[in-house]
């Protein structure tokens, strides 16, 4: 085995571009939590109807995720993702012209969601997973820090709104999306082989039965399961796929989306200022990004153990919000942002790596895209549900208990999917192990 002689493995360039892309695209999505309060004050619509803007954004994302996943496998990032960034830029800028709720449904709920889907988790996860195998958890964790930066960017919208108004703030966000379009088109790459490289920047050499030297890839070992070339048709027939699907539904779809849509409104309802609510939102993003940096933990402890640690920490964060409702103390909000942010951050790369470990291959984009569709289904329900619960009961507390139940259920699903049973070996290692 010999190292690639280039001083910088291009996979890290791919990770850097993924980082920037999700920071901008999800910064636009997450900014809804701040715009939500402003839009409520400006137009006077009900919380359920206004939260439906975010719900539409999520369900459209979920519907399009399998299509985008298949598209990245077929067309690559330069065409698909750069086109998505351009659509996102135009849709976000058009929100500045909205004066009816259906305008927001169309521009932010539908068109912006199409752009986010093409430039978001589905596509970038495929890229990083193809460029890294042995250090997959580490690389995924680094790129996912971009999601944490997205929260910081979104919280900065509160300052922009105060300075230039909500309409101009949408225009600024649209310009940011436009800036990343040429970066993706010029520099992003789908697969190491496009540049004559192998994953992780390594060259692996082995000899076949005739003594010929071959440069080979990393394969699954140990059972017929791991020897298969997984495609979507095969994947959906397995229980592993559906446990990952349900885990995604409960963690991202129900728990995280409900919190994201309403956490700023929760803070203002408790008597805190909009600025303080935006600060807590920003801190959550910082801690979320920090948690992602610990993606390497799942490479060592295993995916299930890491997910359990992360989601248990997130549950403690939600409990801080519930306690805040009975005793209004700022430190409880800070504790929430720390615990929930770190917990979800640690979980994210481990959950993503679980799917890649089980179904890695040239069709992983379409498989992962359908798994992410669960996020869209849950995300369509949860923001609206949180708003409806508040409209009827005048409190978010029942919704927060739903979040806790969803987090616990998600952890159970990952254990049932059992990525720990998948072992990655080189062809050479697999050949040698068969003799043991």
Protein backbone atom coordinates (compact mmCIF):
# COMPACT_ATOMS: atom_id res chain seq x y z
CA UNK A 1 0.00 0.00 0.00
CA UNK A 2 1.30 3.43 -0.90
CA UNK A 3 0.02 6.88 -0.24
CA UNK A 4 -1.10 9.24 -2.96
CA UNK A 5 1.84 11.57 -3.61
CA UNK A 6 -0.26 14.72 -3.74
CA UNK A 7 0.30 16.86 -0.62
CA UNK A 8 -3.48 17.29 -0.30
CA UNK A 9 -5.94 14.51 -0.97
CA UNK A 10 -8.69 16.05 -3.11
CA UNK A 11 -11.30 14.43 -0.90
CA UNK A 12 -10.66 17.17 1.64
CA UNK A 13 -11.43 19.77 -1.03
CA UNK A 14 -14.72 17.95 -1.61
CA UNK A 15 -15.42 18.05 2.14
CA UNK A 16 -14.65 21.79 2.26
CA UNK A 17 -17.06 22.55 -0.60
CA UNK A 18 -19.74 20.39 1.04
CA UNK A 19 -19.17 22.35 4.25
CA UNK A 20 -19.70 25.70 2.50
CA UNK A 21 -22.67 24.47 0.49
CA UNK A 22 -24.69 23.19 3.43
CA UNK A 23 -23.78 26.22 5.55
CA UNK A 24 -25.45 28.48 2.99
CA UNK A 25 -28.36 26.30 1.86
CA UNK A 26 -29.38 25.23 5.36
CA UNK A 27 -28.68 28.69 6.73
CA UNK A 28 -31.49 29.81 4.44
CA UNK A 29 -33.78 27.00 5.63
CA UNK A 30 -33.08 27.51 9.32
CA UNK A 31 -33.56 31.26 9.01
CA UNK A 32 -37.27 30.50 8.92
CA UNK A 33 -37.26 30.24 12.73
CA UNK A 34 -36.37 33.94 12.87
CA UNK A 35 -38.52 35.02 9.93
CA UNK A 36 -41.38 33.06 11.53
CA UNK A 37 -41.68 35.47 14.45
CA UNK A 38 -41.37 38.51 12.18
CA UNK A 39 -43.92 37.19 9.68
CA UNK A 40 -46.38 36.46 12.51
CA UNK A 41 -46.03 40.02 13.78
CA UNK A 42 -46.22 41.60 10.31
CA UNK A 43 -49.14 39.66 8.83
CA UNK A 44 -51.01 38.34 11.89
CA UNK A 45 -51.57 34.85 10.50
CA UNK A 46 -52.13 31.87 12.84
CA UNK A 47 -49.12 29.89 14.02
CA UNK A 48 -50.34 26.68 12.41
CA UNK A 49 -50.88 28.35 9.01
CA UNK A 50 -47.54 30.16 9.17
CA UNK A 51 -45.63 27.07 10.35
CA UNK A 52 -47.09 25.30 7.31
CA UNK A 53 -44.58 27.29 5.23
CA UNK A 54 -41.79 25.33 6.92
CA UNK A 55 -43.79 22.10 6.76
CA UNK A 56 -44.15 22.48 2.99
CA UNK A 57 -40.43 23.14 2.69
CA UNK A 58 -39.74 19.85 4.46
CA UNK A 59 -42.28 17.66 2.66
CA UNK A 60 -41.20 18.91 -0.78
CA UNK A 61 -37.63 18.18 0.28
CA UNK A 62 -38.63 14.68 1.33
CA UNK A 63 -40.54 13.97 -1.89
CA UNK A 64 -37.63 15.15 -4.03
CA UNK A 65 -34.88 13.44 -1.98
CA UNK A 66 -35.09 10.03 -3.76
CA UNK A 67 -35.12 11.76 -7.15
CA UNK A 68 -32.15 13.94 -6.24
CA UNK A 69 -30.34 10.92 -4.78
CA UNK A 70 -30.70 9.06 -8.07
CA UNK A 71 -29.76 12.22 -9.93
CA UNK A 72 -26.45 12.66 -8.12
CA UNK A 73 -25.55 9.06 -8.98
CA UNK A 74 -26.29 9.73 -12.65
CA UNK A 75 -25.41 13.37 -13.36
CA UNK A 76 -22.88 14.20 -10.69
CA UNK A 77 -22.65 17.34 -8.55
CA UNK A 78 -21.49 19.89 -11.09
CA UNK A 79 -24.74 19.91 -13.03
CA UNK A 80 -27.30 18.92 -10.41
CA UNK A 81 -26.01 20.83 -7.39
CA UNK A 82 -25.06 24.04 -9.20
CA UNK A 83 -28.53 24.15 -10.79
CA UNK A 84 -30.05 23.63 -7.34
CA UNK A 85 -28.01 26.50 -5.88
CA UNK A 86 -29.25 28.81 -8.64
CA UNK A 87 -32.89 27.84 -8.02
CA UNK A 88 -32.40 28.40 -4.29
CA UNK A 89 -30.98 31.86 -4.94
CA UNK A 90 -33.91 32.95 -7.10
CA UNK A 91 -36.58 31.46 -4.81
CA UNK A 92 -35.13 33.07 -1.69
CA UNK A 93 -34.93 36.49 -3.34
CA UNK A 94 -38.55 36.15 -4.51
CA UNK A 95 -39.65 35.80 -0.88
CA UNK A 96 -38.91 39.52 -0.54
CA UNK A 97 -41.92 40.19 -2.80
CA UNK A 98 -44.36 37.99 -0.85
CA UNK A 99 -47.46 39.67 0.61
CA UNK A 100 -49.86 36.69 0.69
CA UNK A 101 -49.30 33.47 2.58
CA UNK A 102 -49.48 31.41 -0.60
CA UNK A 103 -46.51 33.39 -1.92
CA UNK A 104 -44.43 32.01 0.96
CA UNK A 105 -45.86 28.55 0.36
CA UNK A 106 -44.66 28.71 -3.25
CA UNK A 107 -41.33 30.54 -2.92
CA UNK A 108 -40.02 29.21 0.39
CA UNK A 109 -42.14 26.09 0.80
CA UNK A 110 -41.69 24.66 -2.71
CA UNK A 111 -39.03 26.37 -4.87
CA UNK A 112 -36.45 27.03 -2.15
CA UNK A 113 -36.92 23.46 -0.94
CA UNK A 114 -36.05 22.12 -4.40
CA UNK A 115 -32.80 24.07 -4.28
CA UNK A 116 -31.99 22.97 -0.74
CA UNK A 117 -32.62 19.34 -1.62
CA UNK A 118 -30.23 19.50 -4.59
CA UNK A 119 -27.50 21.22 -2.55
CA UNK A 120 -28.14 19.57 0.80
CA UNK A 121 -27.72 16.48 2.89
CA UNK A 122 -28.64 13.91 0.23
CA UNK A 123 -26.08 14.99 -2.35
CA UNK A 124 -23.25 16.05 -0.06
CA UNK A 125 -23.46 12.86 2.00
CA UNK A 126 -23.08 10.78 -1.14
CA UNK A 127 -19.99 12.77 -2.13
CA UNK A 128 -18.24 12.46 1.23
CA UNK A 129 -19.17 8.77 1.57
CA UNK A 130 -17.64 8.01 -1.82
CA UNK A 131 -14.41 9.84 -1.06
CA UNK A 132 -13.93 8.31 2.39
CA UNK A 133 -14.38 4.80 3.79
CA UNK A 134 -11.97 4.14 6.67
CA UNK A 135 -12.29 7.74 7.89
CA UNK A 136 -15.93 8.07 6.89
CA UNK A 137 -17.24 9.10 10.31
CA UNK A 138 -14.48 11.68 10.65
CA UNK A 139 -15.02 13.20 7.19
CA UNK A 140 -18.81 13.25 7.58
CA UNK A 141 -18.43 14.94 10.94
CA UNK A 142 -16.21 17.68 9.51
CA UNK A 143 -18.53 18.46 6.60
CA UNK A 144 -21.55 18.41 8.90
CA UNK A 145 -20.07 21.21 10.97
CA UNK A 146 -21.42 23.28 8.09
CA UNK A 147 -24.92 22.58 9.39
CA UNK A 148 -23.88 24.15 12.68
CA UNK A 149 -22.57 27.22 10.87
CA UNK A 150 -25.93 27.36 9.11
CA UNK A 151 -27.63 27.98 12.45
CA UNK A 152 -25.23 30.83 13.18
CA UNK A 153 -25.95 32.30 9.75
CA UNK A 154 -29.68 31.94 10.36
CA UNK A 155 -29.47 33.69 13.72
CA UNK A 156 -27.64 36.56 12.02
CA UNK A 157 -30.83 37.14 10.05
CA UNK A 158 -32.33 38.64 13.20
CA UNK A 159 -29.68 41.39 13.02
CA UNK A 160 -30.28 41.88 9.30
CA UNK A 161 -34.03 42.21 9.81
CA UNK A 162 -33.45 44.85 12.45
CA UNK A 163 -31.13 46.79 10.16
CA UNK A 164 -32.60 46.44 6.66
CA UNK A 165 -36.02 44.76 7.10
CA UNK A 166 -37.20 41.24 6.35
CA UNK A 167 -37.64 41.81 2.60
CA UNK A 168 -34.05 42.93 2.04
CA UNK A 169 -32.83 40.15 4.30
CA UNK A 170 -34.31 37.60 1.91
CA UNK A 171 -32.46 39.28 -0.96
CA UNK A 172 -29.13 39.06 0.89
CA UNK A 173 -29.66 35.35 1.52
CA UNK A 174 -30.46 34.86 -2.16
CA UNK A 175 -27.17 36.49 -3.11
CA UNK A 176 -25.29 34.09 -0.81
CA UNK A 177 -26.85 31.12 -2.60
CA UNK A 178 -25.87 32.63 -5.94
CA UNK A 179 -22.23 32.92 -4.84
CA UNK A 180 -21.83 29.19 -4.17
CA UNK A 181 -23.21 28.23 -7.61
CA UNK A 182 -19.92 28.64 -9.57
CA UNK A 183 -17.87 27.10 -6.74
CA UNK A 184 -19.86 23.88 -7.05
CA UNK A 185 -19.86 23.93 -10.85
CA UNK A 186 -16.08 24.33 -11.11
CA UNK A 187 -14.58 22.39 -8.22
CA UNK A 188 -16.96 19.70 -6.93
CA UNK A 189 -16.38 16.04 -7.92
CA UNK A 190 -18.51 12.92 -7.45
CA UNK A 191 -16.01 10.11 -7.18
CA UNK A 192 -12.26 9.65 -6.52
CA UNK A 193 -11.90 7.70 -9.76
CA UNK A 194 -12.86 10.87 -11.64
CA UNK A 195 -9.37 12.11 -10.75
CA UNK A 196 -7.65 8.72 -10.86
CA UNK A 197 -7.75 8.34 -7.06
CA UNK A 198 -9.09 5.92 -4.47
CA UNK A 199 -11.04 6.65 -1.26
CA UNK A 200 -9.10 8.09 1.70
CA UNK A 201 -6.21 9.03 -0.60
CA UNK A 202 -4.81 5.52 -0.58
CA UNK A 203 -3.65 3.01 -3.20
CA UNK A 204 -4.35 -0.61 -2.34
CA UNK A 205 -2.51 -3.32 -4.19
CA UNK A 206 -3.13 -7.05 -4.07
CA UNK A 207 -2.49 -10.12 -6.19
CA UNK A 208 -5.14 -12.32 -7.72
CA UNK A 209 -5.04 -16.12 -7.96
CA UNK A 210 -2.83 -15.91 -11.06
CA UNK A 211 -0.34 -13.64 -9.37
CA UNK A 212 -1.35 -10.51 -11.25
CA UNK A 213 -1.17 -7.18 -9.46
CA UNK A 214 -4.45 -5.29 -9.10
CA UNK A 215 -5.40 -1.95 -7.64
CA UNK A 216 -8.62 -2.69 -5.83
CA UNK A 217 -11.38 -1.15 -3.82
CA UNK A 218 -12.64 -1.81 -0.32
CA UNK A 219 -15.33 -4.49 -0.11
CA UNK A 220 -17.77 -5.79 2.44
CA UNK A 221 -16.81 -9.12 4.00
CA UNK A 222 -18.36 -11.94 5.98
CA UNK A 223 -21.68 -12.83 4.35
CA UNK A 224 -23.71 -12.81 1.16
CA UNK A 225 -25.28 -9.55 2.36
CA UNK A 226 -21.98 -7.72 2.16
CA UNK A 227 -21.03 -9.15 -1.20
CA UNK A 228 -24.09 -7.74 -2.97
CA UNK A 229 -24.17 -4.66 -5.17
CA UNK A 230 -26.95 -2.80 -3.38
CA UNK A 231 -29.53 -0.87 -5.36
CA UNK A 232 -32.80 0.71 -4.28
CA UNK A 233 -34.94 -2.27 -5.29
CA UNK A 234 -32.89 -4.64 -3.13
CA UNK A 235 -32.53 -2.20 -0.23
CA UNK A 236 -36.24 -1.59 0.30
CA UNK A 237 -36.78 -5.32 0.78
CA UNK A 238 -34.58 -5.34 3.89
CA UNK A 239 -35.56 -4.56 7.48
CA UNK A 240 -32.31 -2.59 7.85
CA UNK A 241 -33.55 -0.05 5.33
CA UNK A 242 -36.87 0.44 7.09
CA UNK A 243 -35.31 0.77 10.54
CA UNK A 244 -33.05 3.52 9.15
CA UNK A 245 -36.07 5.07 7.47
CA UNK A 246 -38.00 5.12 10.76
CA UNK A 247 -34.96 6.35 12.69
CA UNK A 248 -34.71 9.27 10.27
CA UNK A 249 -38.45 9.92 10.54
CA UNK A 250 -38.41 10.16 14.33
CA UNK A 251 -35.11 11.97 14.91
CA UNK A 252 -34.92 14.47 12.04
CA UNK A 253 -38.51 14.47 10.83
CA UNK A 254 -40.37 14.74 14.14
CA UNK A 255 -37.96 15.77 16.90
CA UNK A 256 -35.47 18.14 15.28
CA UNK A 257 -37.87 19.82 12.86
CA UNK A 258 -40.42 20.54 15.57
CA UNK A 259 -37.71 22.14 17.72
CA UNK A 260 -36.19 24.11 14.84
CA UNK A 261 -39.48 25.60 13.72
CA UNK A 262 -40.60 26.76 17.17
CA UNK A 263 -37.61 27.26 19.45
CA UNK A 264 -37.34 31.03 18.86
CA UNK A 265 -41.09 31.43 19.34
CA UNK A 266 -40.85 29.32 22.51
CA UNK A 267 -38.21 31.69 23.90
CA UNK A 268 -40.25 34.82 23.14
CA UNK A 269 -43.38 33.22 24.64
CA UNK A 270 -41.45 32.66 27.86
CA UNK A 271 -40.71 36.38 28.06
CA UNK A 272 -37.29 36.51 26.43
CA UNK A 273 -36.51 39.01 23.67
CA UNK A 274 -36.29 38.05 20.01
CA UNK A 275 -32.56 38.79 20.18
CA UNK A 276 -32.14 36.34 23.07
CA UNK A 277 -34.14 33.72 21.19
CA UNK A 278 -31.90 34.20 18.15
CA UNK A 279 -28.83 33.93 20.41
CA UNK A 280 -30.01 30.59 21.79
CA UNK A 281 -30.66 29.45 18.22
CA UNK A 282 -27.13 30.48 17.29
CA UNK A 283 -25.59 28.75 20.31
CA UNK A 284 -27.47 25.60 19.43
CA UNK A 285 -25.86 25.77 15.98
CA UNK A 286 -22.39 26.28 17.43
CA UNK A 287 -22.76 23.32 19.79
CA UNK A 288 -24.30 21.25 17.00
CA UNK A 289 -21.28 21.97 14.82
CA UNK A 290 -18.94 21.15 17.69
CA UNK A 291 -20.72 17.83 18.21
CA UNK A 292 -20.17 16.94 14.56
CA UNK A 293 -16.43 17.30 15.04
CA UNK A 294 -16.66 14.20 17.23
CA UNK A 295 -17.73 12.12 14.24
CA UNK A 296 -14.54 10.10 14.67
CA UNK A 297 -16.04 8.61 17.85
CA UNK A 298 -18.38 6.43 15.83
CA UNK A 299 -15.40 5.10 13.85
CA UNK A 300 -14.06 3.79 17.19
CA UNK A 301 -17.03 3.07 19.48
CA UNK A 302 -19.47 2.03 16.77
CA UNK A 303 -22.48 3.75 15.25
CA UNK A 304 -25.12 2.48 17.67
CA UNK A 305 -23.27 3.38 20.85
CA UNK A 306 -22.51 6.86 19.52
CA UNK A 307 -26.13 7.44 18.48
CA UNK A 308 -27.32 6.37 21.92
CA UNK A 309 -24.92 8.74 23.68
CA UNK A 310 -25.90 11.60 21.39
CA UNK A 311 -29.66 11.18 21.60
CA UNK A 312 -29.58 10.68 25.38
CA UNK A 313 -27.79 14.01 25.64
CA UNK A 314 -30.39 15.60 23.35
CA UNK A 315 -33.20 14.32 25.59
CA UNK A 316 -31.59 16.09 28.54
CA UNK A 317 -31.58 19.27 26.45
CA UNK A 318 -35.32 19.03 25.80
CA UNK A 319 -35.90 18.53 29.53
CA UNK A 320 -34.15 21.88 30.08
CA UNK A 321 -36.82 23.54 27.92
CA UNK A 322 -39.59 21.84 29.89
CA UNK A 323 -38.07 22.98 33.20
CA UNK A 324 -37.78 26.52 31.83
CA UNK A 325 -41.56 26.60 31.46
CA UNK A 326 -42.01 26.26 35.23
CA UNK A 327 -38.99 28.31 36.31
CA UNK A 328 -37.96 31.02 33.86
CA UNK A 329 -34.19 31.05 34.22
CA UNK A 330 -31.82 31.95 31.35
CA UNK A 331 -29.27 29.30 32.29
CA UNK A 332 -31.83 26.62 31.43
CA UNK A 333 -31.99 27.98 27.87
CA UNK A 334 -28.20 27.96 27.66
CA UNK A 335 -28.17 24.38 28.99
CA UNK A 336 -30.75 23.43 26.34
CA UNK A 337 -28.62 24.83 23.51
CA UNK A 338 -25.54 23.03 24.84
CA UNK A 339 -27.10 19.62 25.46
CA UNK A 340 -29.47 19.46 22.49
CA UNK A 341 -26.87 20.89 20.12
CA UNK A 342 -24.05 18.57 21.19
CA UNK A 343 -26.38 15.57 21.30
CA UNK A 344 -27.78 15.98 17.80
CA UNK A 345 -24.34 16.98 16.52
CA UNK A 346 -22.66 13.83 17.81
CA UNK A 347 -25.52 11.72 16.44
CA UNK A 348 -25.60 13.14 12.90
CA UNK A 349 -22.40 11.68 11.37
CA UNK A 350 -22.93 8.37 13.17
CA UNK A 351 -26.47 8.04 11.80
CA UNK A 352 -25.36 8.98 8.29
CA UNK A 353 -22.38 6.61 8.41
CA UNK A 354 -24.75 3.81 9.47
CA UNK A 355 -26.62 4.04 6.18
CA UNK A 356 -23.40 4.30 4.18
CA UNK A 357 -21.88 1.30 5.98
CA UNK A 358 -24.87 -0.91 5.21
CA UNK A 359 -25.71 0.19 1.66
CA UNK A 360 -22.50 1.71 0.28
CA UNK A 361 -22.11 1.40 -3.48
CA UNK A 362 -22.69 3.25 -6.71
CA UNK A 363 -26.44 3.40 -6.01
CA UNK A 364 -26.12 4.76 -2.48
CA UNK A 365 -27.46 8.14 -3.62
CA UNK A 366 -30.87 6.76 -4.52
CA UNK A 367 -31.01 4.56 -1.40
CA UNK A 368 -30.02 7.40 0.90
CA UNK A 369 -32.44 9.71 -0.88
CA UNK A 370 -35.38 7.47 -0.02
CA UNK A 371 -34.22 7.20 3.59
CA UNK A 372 -34.17 11.00 3.73
CA UNK A 373 -37.74 11.04 2.43
CA UNK A 374 -38.70 9.99 5.96
CA UNK A 375 -37.29 13.30 7.15
CA UNK A 376 -39.67 15.03 4.76
CA UNK A 377 -42.71 13.11 5.96
CA UNK A 378 -42.00 13.78 9.61
CA UNK A 379 -40.94 17.34 8.89
CA UNK A 380 -44.25 18.05 7.18
CA UNK A 381 -46.14 16.90 10.26
CA UNK A 382 -44.08 18.25 13.15
CA UNK A 383 -43.86 22.05 12.54
CA UNK A 384 -47.59 22.21 11.88
CA UNK A 385 -48.27 19.89 14.84
CA UNK A 386 -46.21 22.07 17.18
CA UNK A 387 -48.09 25.16 16.07
CA UNK A 388 -51.47 23.43 16.36
CA UNK A 389 -50.70 22.22 19.89
CA UNK A 390 -49.85 25.77 20.89
CA UNK A 391 -52.92 27.23 19.19
CA UNK A 392 -55.19 24.80 21.09
CA UNK A 393 -53.43 24.50 24.46
CA UNK A 394 -51.45 27.73 24.65
CA UNK A 395 -48.21 25.84 25.45
CA UNK A 396 -45.50 23.84 23.69
CA UNK A 397 -44.93 21.41 26.59
CA UNK A 398 -46.95 18.45 25.16
CA UNK A 399 -45.06 18.89 21.90
CA UNK A 400 -41.74 18.70 23.76
CA UNK A 401 -42.72 15.37 25.29
CA UNK A 402 -43.44 14.14 21.77
CA UNK A 403 -39.89 15.20 20.85
CA UNK A 404 -38.43 13.13 23.71
CA UNK A 405 -40.39 10.05 22.66
CA UNK A 406 -39.24 10.48 19.06
CA UNK A 407 -35.56 10.72 20.06
CA UNK A 408 -35.73 7.54 22.13
CA UNK A 409 -37.51 5.67 19.33
CA UNK A 410 -34.88 6.75 16.82
CA UNK A 411 -32.06 5.34 18.94
CA UNK A 412 -33.87 2.00 19.16
CA UNK A 413 -34.26 1.93 15.36
CA UNK A 414 -30.52 2.36 14.80
CA UNK A 415 -29.76 -0.56 17.13
CA UNK A 416 -32.26 -2.69 15.19
CA UNK A 417 -30.66 -1.69 11.88
CA UNK A 418 -27.37 -3.02 13.37
CA UNK A 419 -24.64 -1.34 11.28
CA UNK A 420 -22.15 -2.89 13.77
CA UNK A 421 -22.57 -6.19 11.91
CA UNK A 422 -21.08 -4.71 8.74
CA UNK A 423 -17.29 -5.05 8.55
CA UNK A 424 -15.23 -3.36 5.84
CA UNK A 425 -12.15 -5.20 4.58
CA UNK A 426 -9.92 -4.97 1.53
CA UNK A 427 -10.01 -7.79 -0.99
CA UNK A 428 -6.63 -8.88 0.31
CA UNK A 429 -7.85 -8.96 3.92
CA UNK A 430 -11.00 -10.79 2.89
CA UNK A 431 -8.95 -13.40 1.00
CA UNK A 432 -6.66 -13.94 3.96
CA UNK A 433 -9.50 -14.07 6.50
CA UNK A 434 -11.20 -16.81 4.50
CA UNK A 435 -8.24 -19.05 5.28
CA UNK A 436 -8.59 -18.60 9.04
